[in-house]
Amino acid sequence: MSDLQCAATLLVARHGEAEYETTMLTDAGGSLTPTGRKQSLELAETLRSRRVAYVYTSPLARAVQTAEIVAGVLGVGVRVREGLQELTVGALEGQPEGIGPFADTFAAWERGDLTATYDGGESAEHVIARVREVLDSIVDLHRGETVLVVSHGGSMCIALPRLVSNLADTHASSLQIANVAPVEILADADDWRCEHWPEG
């Protein structure tokens, strides 16, 4: 079987538990809590037998810190990739936290209107495209290998079900992805399939 036919295994995990300097909506990166660091170490231990070839991460600090801890334990390289970041809050920066300001847009996405957006924010169409572009490039580089990708709950729930052939687009609309819980995707040239979606 040629490299082009070999499947890559993507373990796409949400970052560890983080804390932030504000309780308002923000695009700031946050930092791992002691619990988040412990979660990252535990993730690394669970991956020791998976022969992870490389770790990729969102540029936000909480994801980078998670990725560096795991990569350090596993003794592999780590690389930041734009496109894996969380949904931007847009013009809602500085407003109280909560889903309220996003509710109408999220409901439109669930109905299938992926072009809907909020002031200064991204459409689901854009989120899916940027995540797909990064994951496509990772798959091309790692045929026949397993890689860890550290990202964020919102982007993962919007993009990942729509990138695989065996989940409904709205599979994750009412789900939470726990910190450091990886979604496992088997990606080859013909098909991407979700092998495991973690329970919340």
N, C-alpha and C. Protein backbone atom coordinates (compact mmCIF):
# COMPACT_ATOMS: atom_id res chain seq x y z
N MET A 1 0.84 -1.19 0.00
CA MET A 1 0.00 0.00 0.00
C MET A 1 0.88 1.25 0.00
N SER A 2 0.62 2.18 -0.89
CA SER A 2 1.43 3.39 -0.96
C SER A 2 1.11 4.33 0.19
N ASP A 3 2.03 5.28 0.43
CA ASP A 3 1.82 6.26 1.48
C ASP A 3 0.52 7.03 1.25
N LEU A 4 0.18 7.30 -0.02
CA LEU A 4 -1.02 8.08 -0.31
C LEU A 4 -2.28 7.32 0.08
N GLN A 5 -2.19 5.98 0.14
CA GLN A 5 -3.35 5.18 0.51
C GLN A 5 -3.39 4.89 2.00
N CYS A 6 -2.27 5.07 2.69
CA CYS A 6 -2.23 4.80 4.13
C CYS A 6 -3.06 5.83 4.88
N ALA A 7 -3.81 5.37 5.84
CA ALA A 7 -4.61 6.29 6.66
C ALA A 7 -3.75 6.93 7.74
N ALA A 8 -4.07 8.16 8.06
CA ALA A 8 -3.49 8.82 9.22
C ALA A 8 -4.51 8.78 10.34
N THR A 9 -4.04 8.62 11.56
CA THR A 9 -4.93 8.67 12.72
C THR A 9 -4.76 10.01 13.41
N LEU A 10 -5.84 10.77 13.47
CA LEU A 10 -5.84 12.07 14.14
C LEU A 10 -6.50 11.94 15.49
N LEU A 11 -5.78 12.29 16.53
CA LEU A 11 -6.35 12.37 17.88
C LEU A 11 -6.51 13.85 18.18
N VAL A 12 -7.73 14.36 18.03
CA VAL A 12 -7.99 15.78 18.19
C VAL A 12 -8.56 16.01 19.58
N ALA A 13 -7.77 16.68 20.43
CA ALA A 13 -8.14 16.83 21.84
C ALA A 13 -8.35 18.29 22.21
N ARG A 14 -9.29 18.52 23.07
CA ARG A 14 -9.47 19.84 23.66
C ARG A 14 -8.33 20.06 24.66
N HIS A 15 -7.90 21.30 24.81
CA HIS A 15 -6.85 21.67 25.76
C HIS A 15 -7.24 21.32 27.20
N GLY A 16 -6.27 21.38 28.11
CA GLY A 16 -6.54 21.16 29.52
C GLY A 16 -7.30 22.32 30.15
N GLU A 17 -7.78 22.10 31.37
CA GLU A 17 -8.53 23.14 32.09
C GLU A 17 -7.69 24.42 32.19
N ALA A 18 -8.34 25.56 31.94
CA ALA A 18 -7.62 26.83 31.90
C ALA A 18 -8.29 27.87 32.78
N GLU A 19 -7.52 28.90 33.12
CA GLU A 19 -8.06 30.05 33.82
C GLU A 19 -7.74 31.30 33.01
N TYR A 20 -8.54 32.34 33.23
CA TYR A 20 -8.44 33.55 32.42
C TYR A 20 -8.38 34.77 33.33
N GLU A 21 -7.86 35.87 32.80
CA GLU A 21 -7.72 37.09 33.59
C GLU A 21 -9.04 37.83 33.75
N THR A 22 -10.03 37.45 32.98
CA THR A 22 -11.32 38.12 33.02
C THR A 22 -12.45 37.10 32.92
N THR A 23 -13.59 37.46 33.45
CA THR A 23 -14.78 36.61 33.30
C THR A 23 -15.63 37.08 32.13
N MET A 24 -15.15 38.08 31.40
CA MET A 24 -15.86 38.58 30.23
C MET A 24 -15.44 37.80 28.98
N LEU A 25 -16.26 37.86 27.95
CA LEU A 25 -15.90 37.20 26.68
C LEU A 25 -14.61 37.79 26.13
N THR A 26 -13.71 36.91 25.72
CA THR A 26 -12.42 37.37 25.23
C THR A 26 -11.80 36.31 24.32
N ASP A 27 -10.94 36.77 23.44
CA ASP A 27 -10.17 35.86 22.61
C ASP A 27 -8.80 35.56 23.21
N ALA A 28 -8.57 36.06 24.43
CA ALA A 28 -7.27 35.84 25.09
C ALA A 28 -7.03 34.36 25.29
N GLY A 29 -5.74 34.00 25.35
CA GLY A 29 -5.37 32.58 25.34
C GLY A 29 -5.60 31.80 26.61
N GLY A 30 -5.60 32.49 27.77
CA GLY A 30 -5.73 31.77 29.03
C GLY A 30 -4.48 30.97 29.36
N SER A 31 -4.44 30.43 30.56
CA SER A 31 -3.32 29.61 31.02
C SER A 31 -3.85 28.38 31.73
N LEU A 32 -3.13 27.28 31.62
CA LEU A 32 -3.56 26.06 32.30
C LEU A 32 -3.55 26.24 33.80
N THR A 33 -4.57 25.70 34.45
CA THR A 33 -4.59 25.61 35.90
C THR A 33 -3.72 24.42 36.32
N PRO A 34 -3.42 24.28 37.61
CA PRO A 34 -2.73 23.06 38.05
C PRO A 34 -3.48 21.79 37.62
N THR A 35 -4.81 21.85 37.66
CA THR A 35 -5.59 20.70 37.19
C THR A 35 -5.37 20.47 35.70
N GLY A 36 -5.32 21.56 34.94
CA GLY A 36 -5.08 21.45 33.50
C GLY A 36 -3.74 20.82 33.19
N ARG A 37 -2.72 21.18 33.97
CA ARG A 37 -1.39 20.58 33.78
C ARG A 37 -1.42 19.08 34.12
N LYS A 38 -2.13 18.75 35.18
CA LYS A 38 -2.26 17.34 35.56
C LYS A 38 -3.01 16.56 34.47
N GLN A 39 -4.06 17.17 33.93
CA GLN A 39 -4.80 16.52 32.85
C GLN A 39 -3.91 16.27 31.64
N SER A 40 -3.06 17.24 31.33
CA SER A 40 -2.17 17.11 30.18
C SER A 40 -1.17 15.98 30.38
N LEU A 41 -0.64 15.86 31.60
CA LEU A 41 0.26 14.76 31.91
C LEU A 41 -0.46 13.42 31.81
N GLU A 42 -1.70 13.38 32.28
CA GLU A 42 -2.47 12.14 32.21
C GLU A 42 -2.77 11.77 30.76
N LEU A 43 -3.06 12.77 29.92
CA LEU A 43 -3.26 12.50 28.50
C LEU A 43 -2.01 11.89 27.89
N ALA A 44 -0.87 12.47 28.22
CA ALA A 44 0.40 11.94 27.70
C ALA A 44 0.58 10.48 28.09
N GLU A 45 0.28 10.15 29.32
CA GLU A 45 0.44 8.77 29.78
C GLU A 45 -0.47 7.82 29.01
N THR A 46 -1.71 8.27 28.72
CA THR A 46 -2.62 7.40 27.97
C THR A 46 -2.18 7.20 26.53
N LEU A 47 -1.34 8.11 26.04
CA LEU A 47 -0.90 8.03 24.64
C LEU A 47 0.44 7.33 24.45
N ARG A 48 1.08 6.93 25.53
CA ARG A 48 2.41 6.30 25.43
C ARG A 48 2.41 5.11 24.48
N SER A 49 1.35 4.34 24.51
CA SER A 49 1.31 3.12 23.68
C SER A 49 0.83 3.40 22.26
N ARG A 50 0.45 4.65 21.96
CA ARG A 50 -0.10 4.97 20.64
C ARG A 50 0.97 5.36 19.61
N ARG A 51 2.21 5.48 20.03
CA ARG A 51 3.31 5.84 19.12
C ARG A 51 3.00 7.11 18.34
N VAL A 52 2.62 8.14 19.08
CA VAL A 52 2.32 9.44 18.48
C VAL A 52 3.57 10.00 17.82
N ALA A 53 3.45 10.39 16.55
CA ALA A 53 4.61 10.85 15.79
C ALA A 53 4.89 12.33 16.00
N TYR A 54 3.84 13.12 16.27
CA TYR A 54 4.02 14.57 16.36
C TYR A 54 2.80 15.16 17.05
N VAL A 55 2.97 16.38 17.58
CA VAL A 55 1.86 17.10 18.21
C VAL A 55 1.70 18.44 17.51
N TYR A 56 0.47 18.75 17.15
CA TYR A 56 0.13 20.05 16.56
C TYR A 56 -0.83 20.77 17.49
N THR A 57 -0.79 22.10 17.48
CA THR A 57 -1.61 22.84 18.43
C THR A 57 -2.12 24.16 17.87
N SER A 58 -3.24 24.57 18.39
CA SER A 58 -3.75 25.92 18.20
C SER A 58 -2.74 26.92 18.75
N PRO A 59 -2.73 28.16 18.27
CA PRO A 59 -1.79 29.15 18.79
C PRO A 59 -2.17 29.74 20.14
N LEU A 60 -3.36 29.44 20.66
CA LEU A 60 -3.78 30.01 21.94
C LEU A 60 -3.02 29.34 23.09
N ALA A 61 -2.65 30.14 24.09
CA ALA A 61 -1.72 29.70 25.14
C ALA A 61 -2.16 28.43 25.83
N ARG A 62 -3.44 28.31 26.14
CA ARG A 62 -3.90 27.12 26.88
C ARG A 62 -3.70 25.85 26.06
N ALA A 63 -3.81 25.96 24.75
CA ALA A 63 -3.58 24.80 23.88
C ALA A 63 -2.09 24.53 23.73
N VAL A 64 -1.31 25.59 23.54
CA VAL A 64 0.15 25.43 23.41
C VAL A 64 0.73 24.78 24.65
N GLN A 65 0.31 25.22 25.83
CA GLN A 65 0.81 24.64 27.07
C GLN A 65 0.46 23.16 27.17
N THR A 66 -0.77 22.82 26.81
CA THR A 66 -1.19 21.41 26.81
C THR A 66 -0.30 20.59 25.87
N ALA A 67 -0.13 21.10 24.66
CA ALA A 67 0.65 20.38 23.64
C ALA A 67 2.09 20.20 24.07
N GLU A 68 2.69 21.23 24.66
CA GLU A 68 4.10 21.14 25.06
C GLU A 68 4.30 20.13 26.18
N ILE A 69 3.35 20.06 27.11
CA ILE A 69 3.45 19.07 28.18
C ILE A 69 3.39 17.66 27.60
N VAL A 70 2.42 17.41 26.74
CA VAL A 70 2.26 16.08 26.16
C VAL A 70 3.47 15.72 25.30
N ALA A 71 3.88 16.64 24.45
CA ALA A 71 5.02 16.37 23.57
C ALA A 71 6.29 16.11 24.37
N GLY A 72 6.47 16.84 25.48
CA GLY A 72 7.64 16.63 26.32
C GLY A 72 7.69 15.23 26.91
N VAL A 73 6.53 14.76 27.38
CA VAL A 73 6.48 13.41 27.96
C VAL A 73 6.72 12.35 26.88
N LEU A 74 6.14 12.57 25.70
CA LEU A 74 6.25 11.57 24.63
C LEU A 74 7.55 11.67 23.85
N GLY A 75 8.29 12.78 24.04
CA GLY A 75 9.56 12.94 23.34
C GLY A 75 9.40 13.18 21.85
N VAL A 76 8.35 13.93 21.47
CA VAL A 76 8.13 14.23 20.06
C VAL A 76 8.07 15.74 19.87
N GLY A 77 8.11 16.17 18.61
CA GLY A 77 8.06 17.59 18.30
C GLY A 77 6.66 18.15 18.43
N VAL A 78 6.59 19.48 18.53
CA VAL A 78 5.30 20.17 18.60
C VAL A 78 5.35 21.38 17.68
N ARG A 79 4.24 21.65 17.01
CA ARG A 79 4.19 22.77 16.07
C ARG A 79 2.85 23.49 16.19
N VAL A 80 2.90 24.81 16.21
CA VAL A 80 1.70 25.65 16.26
C VAL A 80 1.15 25.79 14.85
N ARG A 81 -0.17 25.65 14.70
CA ARG A 81 -0.81 25.82 13.41
C ARG A 81 -2.00 26.76 13.53
N GLU A 82 -1.93 27.88 12.83
CA GLU A 82 -3.09 28.76 12.72
C GLU A 82 -4.23 27.97 12.09
N GLY A 83 -5.44 28.24 12.50
CA GLY A 83 -6.59 27.53 11.95
C GLY A 83 -7.23 26.59 12.95
N LEU A 84 -6.49 26.22 14.00
CA LEU A 84 -7.01 25.32 15.02
C LEU A 84 -7.60 26.07 16.21
N GLN A 85 -7.57 27.41 16.16
CA GLN A 85 -7.99 28.21 17.31
C GLN A 85 -9.50 28.12 17.56
N GLU A 86 -9.91 28.61 18.71
CA GLU A 86 -11.32 28.62 19.09
C GLU A 86 -12.07 29.68 18.28
N LEU A 87 -13.40 29.60 18.30
CA LEU A 87 -14.22 30.62 17.67
C LEU A 87 -13.88 31.98 18.23
N THR A 88 -13.77 32.97 17.37
CA THR A 88 -13.53 34.32 17.87
C THR A 88 -14.82 34.90 18.46
N VAL A 89 -14.71 35.76 19.44
CA VAL A 89 -15.90 36.37 20.03
C VAL A 89 -16.31 37.64 19.27
N GLY A 90 -15.45 38.09 18.37
CA GLY A 90 -15.80 39.23 17.53
C GLY A 90 -16.10 40.48 18.34
N ALA A 91 -17.18 41.18 17.95
CA ALA A 91 -17.56 42.43 18.60
C ALA A 91 -18.15 42.21 20.00
N LEU A 92 -18.29 40.94 20.40
CA LEU A 92 -18.82 40.64 21.73
C LEU A 92 -17.73 40.67 22.80
N GLU A 93 -16.51 40.96 22.40
CA GLU A 93 -15.39 41.09 23.35
C GLU A 93 -15.79 42.02 24.50
N GLY A 94 -15.56 41.55 25.72
CA GLY A 94 -15.84 42.36 26.89
C GLY A 94 -17.24 42.22 27.45
N GLN A 95 -18.12 41.49 26.78
CA GLN A 95 -19.46 41.26 27.31
C GLN A 95 -19.41 40.08 28.28
N PRO A 96 -20.43 39.97 29.15
CA PRO A 96 -20.44 38.85 30.10
C PRO A 96 -20.41 37.51 29.39
N GLU A 97 -19.73 36.55 30.00
CA GLU A 97 -19.64 35.21 29.42
C GLU A 97 -21.01 34.57 29.33
N GLY A 98 -21.15 33.64 28.42
CA GLY A 98 -22.40 32.89 28.28
C GLY A 98 -22.74 32.72 26.82
N ILE A 99 -23.64 31.78 26.54
CA ILE A 99 -23.99 31.45 25.16
C ILE A 99 -25.03 32.41 24.60
N GLY A 100 -25.68 33.19 25.46
CA GLY A 100 -26.78 34.05 25.05
C GLY A 100 -26.54 34.85 23.79
N PRO A 101 -25.46 35.64 23.72
CA PRO A 101 -25.23 36.46 22.52
C PRO A 101 -25.01 35.65 21.24
N PHE A 102 -24.67 34.38 21.38
CA PHE A 102 -24.39 33.54 20.22
C PHE A 102 -25.57 32.64 19.85
N ALA A 103 -26.62 32.63 20.67
CA ALA A 103 -27.68 31.63 20.56
C ALA A 103 -28.33 31.60 19.18
N ASP A 104 -28.66 32.76 18.65
CA ASP A 104 -29.34 32.79 17.35
C ASP A 104 -28.44 32.24 16.24
N THR A 105 -27.17 32.60 16.30
CA THR A 105 -26.23 32.12 15.27
C THR A 105 -26.03 30.62 15.39
N PHE A 106 -25.85 30.12 16.61
CA PHE A 106 -25.66 28.69 16.81
C PHE A 106 -26.90 27.91 16.34
N ALA A 107 -28.09 28.47 16.62
CA ALA A 107 -29.32 27.80 16.18
C ALA A 107 -29.40 27.75 14.66
N ALA A 108 -28.97 28.82 14.00
CA ALA A 108 -28.96 28.83 12.53
C ALA A 108 -28.02 27.76 11.99
N TRP A 109 -26.84 27.61 12.62
CA TRP A 109 -25.89 26.58 12.19
C TRP A 109 -26.51 25.20 12.33
N GLU A 110 -27.22 24.99 13.43
CA GLU A 110 -27.83 23.68 13.66
C GLU A 110 -28.91 23.38 12.61
N ARG A 111 -29.58 24.44 12.13
CA ARG A 111 -30.59 24.26 11.08
C ARG A 111 -29.97 24.07 9.70
N GLY A 112 -28.64 24.25 9.62
CA GLY A 112 -27.96 24.05 8.34
C GLY A 112 -27.52 25.31 7.65
N ASP A 113 -27.79 26.48 8.24
CA ASP A 113 -27.34 27.73 7.66
C ASP A 113 -25.94 28.04 8.17
N LEU A 114 -24.95 27.51 7.48
CA LEU A 114 -23.57 27.63 7.94
C LEU A 114 -22.95 28.99 7.61
N THR A 115 -23.70 29.82 6.89
CA THR A 115 -23.19 31.16 6.56
C THR A 115 -23.55 32.19 7.62
N ALA A 116 -24.45 31.84 8.56
CA ALA A 116 -24.86 32.78 9.60
C ALA A 116 -23.68 33.15 10.48
N THR A 117 -23.69 34.37 10.99
CA THR A 117 -22.62 34.82 11.87
C THR A 117 -23.15 35.87 12.83
N TYR A 118 -22.31 36.28 13.75
CA TYR A 118 -22.62 37.36 14.68
C TYR A 118 -21.62 38.48 14.42
N ASP A 119 -21.86 39.63 15.00
CA ASP A 119 -21.07 40.82 14.70
C ASP A 119 -19.58 40.58 14.93
N GLY A 120 -18.82 40.63 13.86
CA GLY A 120 -17.38 40.46 13.97
C GLY A 120 -16.93 39.02 14.12
N GLY A 121 -17.87 38.07 14.09
CA GLY A 121 -17.54 36.67 14.30
C GLY A 121 -17.34 35.91 13.01
N GLU A 122 -17.19 34.61 13.13
CA GLU A 122 -16.98 33.73 11.98
C GLU A 122 -18.26 32.97 11.66
N SER A 123 -18.44 32.65 10.42
CA SER A 123 -19.49 31.71 10.05
C SER A 123 -19.00 30.30 10.34
N ALA A 124 -19.93 29.36 10.50
CA ALA A 124 -19.53 27.96 10.67
C ALA A 124 -18.79 27.48 9.44
N GLU A 125 -19.20 27.97 8.28
CA GLU A 125 -18.55 27.62 7.03
C GLU A 125 -17.06 27.94 7.08
N HIS A 126 -16.72 29.10 7.64
CA HIS A 126 -15.33 29.52 7.74
C HIS A 126 -14.57 28.66 8.76
N VAL A 127 -15.21 28.37 9.90
CA VAL A 127 -14.56 27.54 10.92
C VAL A 127 -14.23 26.16 10.35
N ILE A 128 -15.21 25.57 9.68
CA ILE A 128 -15.00 24.23 9.10
C ILE A 128 -13.87 24.26 8.08
N ALA A 129 -13.85 25.29 7.26
CA ALA A 129 -12.82 25.38 6.21
C ALA A 129 -11.43 25.53 6.80
N ARG A 130 -11.27 26.37 7.82
CA ARG A 130 -9.93 26.57 8.37
C ARG A 130 -9.43 25.34 9.11
N VAL A 131 -10.34 24.67 9.84
CA VAL A 131 -9.94 23.44 10.53
C VAL A 131 -9.60 22.36 9.52
N ARG A 132 -10.41 22.23 8.48
CA ARG A 132 -10.17 21.21 7.45
C ARG A 132 -8.83 21.44 6.75
N GLU A 133 -8.53 22.69 6.45
CA GLU A 133 -7.27 22.99 5.77
C GLU A 133 -6.06 22.52 6.58
N VAL A 134 -6.09 22.79 7.89
CA VAL A 134 -4.98 22.36 8.75
C VAL A 134 -4.93 20.84 8.85
N LEU A 135 -6.07 20.22 9.11
CA LEU A 135 -6.08 18.76 9.27
C LEU A 135 -5.69 18.05 7.97
N ASP A 136 -6.13 18.59 6.83
CA ASP A 136 -5.72 18.02 5.54
C ASP A 136 -4.19 18.01 5.40
N SER A 137 -3.57 19.13 5.77
CA SER A 137 -2.11 19.21 5.63
C SER A 137 -1.41 18.25 6.58
N ILE A 138 -1.97 18.08 7.78
CA ILE A 138 -1.39 17.15 8.75
C ILE A 138 -1.51 15.71 8.25
N VAL A 139 -2.67 15.37 7.72
CA VAL A 139 -2.88 14.02 7.17
C VAL A 139 -1.87 13.75 6.05
N ASP A 140 -1.68 14.72 5.17
CA ASP A 140 -0.74 14.53 4.07
C ASP A 140 0.69 14.29 4.56
N LEU A 141 1.05 14.92 5.68
CA LEU A 141 2.40 14.77 6.22
C LEU A 141 2.59 13.48 7.02
N HIS A 142 1.49 12.89 7.48
CA HIS A 142 1.61 11.78 8.44
C HIS A 142 0.82 10.55 8.03
N ARG A 143 0.87 10.20 6.75
CA ARG A 143 0.23 8.97 6.29
C ARG A 143 0.80 7.78 7.06
N GLY A 144 -0.07 6.94 7.57
CA GLY A 144 0.37 5.75 8.29
C GLY A 144 0.82 6.01 9.71
N GLU A 145 0.66 7.25 10.19
CA GLU A 145 1.10 7.61 11.54
C GLU A 145 -0.07 8.12 12.37
N THR A 146 0.19 8.24 13.67
CA THR A 146 -0.78 8.80 14.61
C THR A 146 -0.24 10.13 15.11
N VAL A 147 -1.08 11.16 15.08
CA VAL A 147 -0.67 12.47 15.57
C VAL A 147 -1.72 13.00 16.55
N LEU A 148 -1.26 13.84 17.47
CA LEU A 148 -2.15 14.52 18.39
C LEU A 148 -2.33 15.96 17.92
N VAL A 149 -3.57 16.42 17.91
CA VAL A 149 -3.90 17.79 17.55
C VAL A 149 -4.64 18.41 18.73
N VAL A 150 -4.10 19.49 19.29
CA VAL A 150 -4.74 20.14 20.43
C VAL A 150 -5.51 21.36 19.94
N SER A 151 -6.81 21.36 20.20
CA SER A 151 -7.67 22.43 19.71
C SER A 151 -8.63 22.87 20.82
N HIS A 152 -9.86 23.22 20.44
CA HIS A 152 -10.81 23.84 21.36
C HIS A 152 -12.21 23.27 21.14
N GLY A 153 -12.99 23.23 22.22
CA GLY A 153 -14.30 22.59 22.19
C GLY A 153 -15.25 23.13 21.13
N GLY A 154 -15.34 24.45 21.02
CA GLY A 154 -16.28 25.02 20.06
C GLY A 154 -15.93 24.68 18.63
N SER A 155 -14.70 24.90 18.26
CA SER A 155 -14.26 24.59 16.89
C SER A 155 -14.38 23.11 16.59
N MET A 156 -14.05 22.27 17.57
CA MET A 156 -14.13 20.83 17.37
C MET A 156 -15.58 20.39 17.14
N CYS A 157 -16.50 20.90 17.96
CA CYS A 157 -17.90 20.47 17.85
C CYS A 157 -18.54 20.93 16.54
N ILE A 158 -18.12 22.08 16.04
CA ILE A 158 -18.66 22.57 14.77
C ILE A 158 -18.05 21.84 13.59
N ALA A 159 -16.73 21.70 13.59
CA ALA A 159 -16.04 21.20 12.40
C ALA A 159 -15.99 19.68 12.29
N LEU A 160 -15.60 19.00 13.36
CA LEU A 160 -15.27 17.58 13.22
C LEU A 160 -16.43 16.71 12.74
N PRO A 161 -17.67 16.85 13.27
CA PRO A 161 -18.74 16.00 12.72
C PRO A 161 -18.97 16.21 11.23
N ARG A 162 -18.69 17.42 10.75
CA ARG A 162 -18.93 17.74 9.34
C ARG A 162 -17.76 17.32 8.43
N LEU A 163 -16.68 16.87 9.03
CA LEU A 163 -15.52 16.43 8.26
C LEU A 163 -15.44 14.92 8.10
N VAL A 164 -16.28 14.21 8.84
CA VAL A 164 -16.26 12.75 8.77
C VAL A 164 -17.56 12.27 8.14
N SER A 165 -17.52 11.04 7.62
CA SER A 165 -18.67 10.51 6.87
C SER A 165 -19.68 9.76 7.72
N ASN A 166 -19.32 9.45 8.96
CA ASN A 166 -20.18 8.56 9.75
C ASN A 166 -20.84 9.22 10.95
N LEU A 167 -20.86 10.56 10.99
CA LEU A 167 -21.58 11.27 12.05
C LEU A 167 -22.52 12.28 11.41
N ALA A 168 -23.64 12.53 12.08
CA ALA A 168 -24.53 13.60 11.64
C ALA A 168 -23.85 14.94 11.84
N ASP A 169 -24.16 15.91 11.00
CA ASP A 169 -23.55 17.23 11.13
C ASP A 169 -23.78 17.83 12.50
N THR A 170 -24.93 17.52 13.08
CA THR A 170 -25.29 18.10 14.39
C THR A 170 -24.94 17.17 15.55
N HIS A 171 -24.09 16.20 15.31
CA HIS A 171 -23.76 15.21 16.34
C HIS A 171 -23.36 15.84 17.67
N ALA A 172 -22.61 16.92 17.61
CA ALA A 172 -22.06 17.51 18.84
C ALA A 172 -22.80 18.76 19.29
N SER A 173 -23.96 19.04 18.71
CA SER A 173 -24.63 20.31 19.01
C SER A 173 -25.08 20.42 20.46
N SER A 174 -25.35 19.30 21.10
CA SER A 174 -25.78 19.35 22.50
C SER A 174 -24.77 18.67 23.42
N LEU A 175 -23.56 18.46 22.93
CA LEU A 175 -22.54 17.76 23.70
C LEU A 175 -21.45 18.71 24.17
N GLN A 176 -20.81 18.36 25.25
CA GLN A 176 -19.62 19.04 25.72
C GLN A 176 -18.44 18.10 25.51
N ILE A 177 -17.33 18.64 25.09
CA ILE A 177 -16.11 17.82 25.01
C ILE A 177 -15.28 18.12 26.24
N ALA A 178 -14.98 17.10 27.01
CA ALA A 178 -14.21 17.29 28.23
C ALA A 178 -12.78 17.70 27.90
N ASN A 179 -12.15 18.40 28.84
CA ASN A 179 -10.74 18.76 28.66
C ASN A 179 -9.90 17.52 28.42
N VAL A 180 -8.99 17.62 27.47
CA VAL A 180 -8.02 16.61 27.04
C VAL A 180 -8.65 15.30 26.56
N ALA A 181 -9.95 15.33 26.25
CA ALA A 181 -10.60 14.12 25.73
C ALA A 181 -10.48 14.12 24.21
N PRO A 182 -9.76 13.16 23.62
CA PRO A 182 -9.55 13.19 22.17
C PRO A 182 -10.67 12.52 21.36
N VAL A 183 -10.99 13.17 20.25
CA VAL A 183 -11.80 12.56 19.20
C VAL A 183 -10.83 11.85 18.27
N GLU A 184 -11.11 10.59 17.97
CA GLU A 184 -10.21 9.83 17.10
C GLU A 184 -10.79 9.73 15.70
N ILE A 185 -10.01 10.17 14.71
CA ILE A 185 -10.44 10.16 13.31
C ILE A 185 -9.44 9.37 12.49
N LEU A 186 -9.94 8.46 11.68
CA LEU A 186 -9.12 7.71 10.74
C LEU A 186 -9.32 8.36 9.37
N ALA A 187 -8.25 8.94 8.84
CA ALA A 187 -8.36 9.73 7.61
C ALA A 187 -7.50 9.15 6.50
N ASP A 188 -8.14 8.72 5.41
CA ASP A 188 -7.37 8.29 4.25
C ASP A 188 -7.82 9.11 3.04
N ALA A 189 -7.31 8.77 1.89
CA ALA A 189 -7.56 9.57 0.69
C ALA A 189 -9.02 9.54 0.27
N ASP A 190 -9.74 8.49 0.66
CA ASP A 190 -11.12 8.32 0.20
C ASP A 190 -12.17 8.69 1.22
N ASP A 191 -11.83 8.63 2.49
CA ASP A 191 -12.86 8.78 3.51
C ASP A 191 -12.25 9.15 4.85
N TRP A 192 -12.94 9.97 5.60
CA TRP A 192 -12.59 10.26 6.99
C TRP A 192 -13.70 9.70 7.86
N ARG A 193 -13.32 8.92 8.88
CA ARG A 193 -14.32 8.32 9.77
C ARG A 193 -13.94 8.58 11.23
N CYS A 194 -14.96 8.85 12.03
CA CYS A 194 -14.73 9.01 13.46
C CYS A 194 -14.73 7.62 14.10
N GLU A 195 -13.62 7.25 14.71
CA GLU A 195 -13.49 5.96 15.37
C GLU A 195 -13.92 6.05 16.84
N HIS A 196 -13.85 7.26 17.41
CA HIS A 196 -14.25 7.43 18.81
C HIS A 196 -14.59 8.89 19.07
N TRP A 197 -15.76 9.12 19.66
CA TRP A 197 -16.14 10.46 20.13
C TRP A 197 -16.33 10.37 21.64
N PRO A 198 -15.55 11.12 22.42
CA PRO A 198 -15.61 10.96 23.88
C PRO A 198 -16.94 11.45 24.45
N GLU A 199 -17.37 10.78 25.48
CA GLU A 199 -18.55 11.23 26.21
C GLU A 199 -18.19 12.48 27.01
N GLY A 200 -19.15 13.35 27.24
CA GLY A 200 -18.91 14.60 27.93
C GLY A 200 -18.50 14.42 29.38
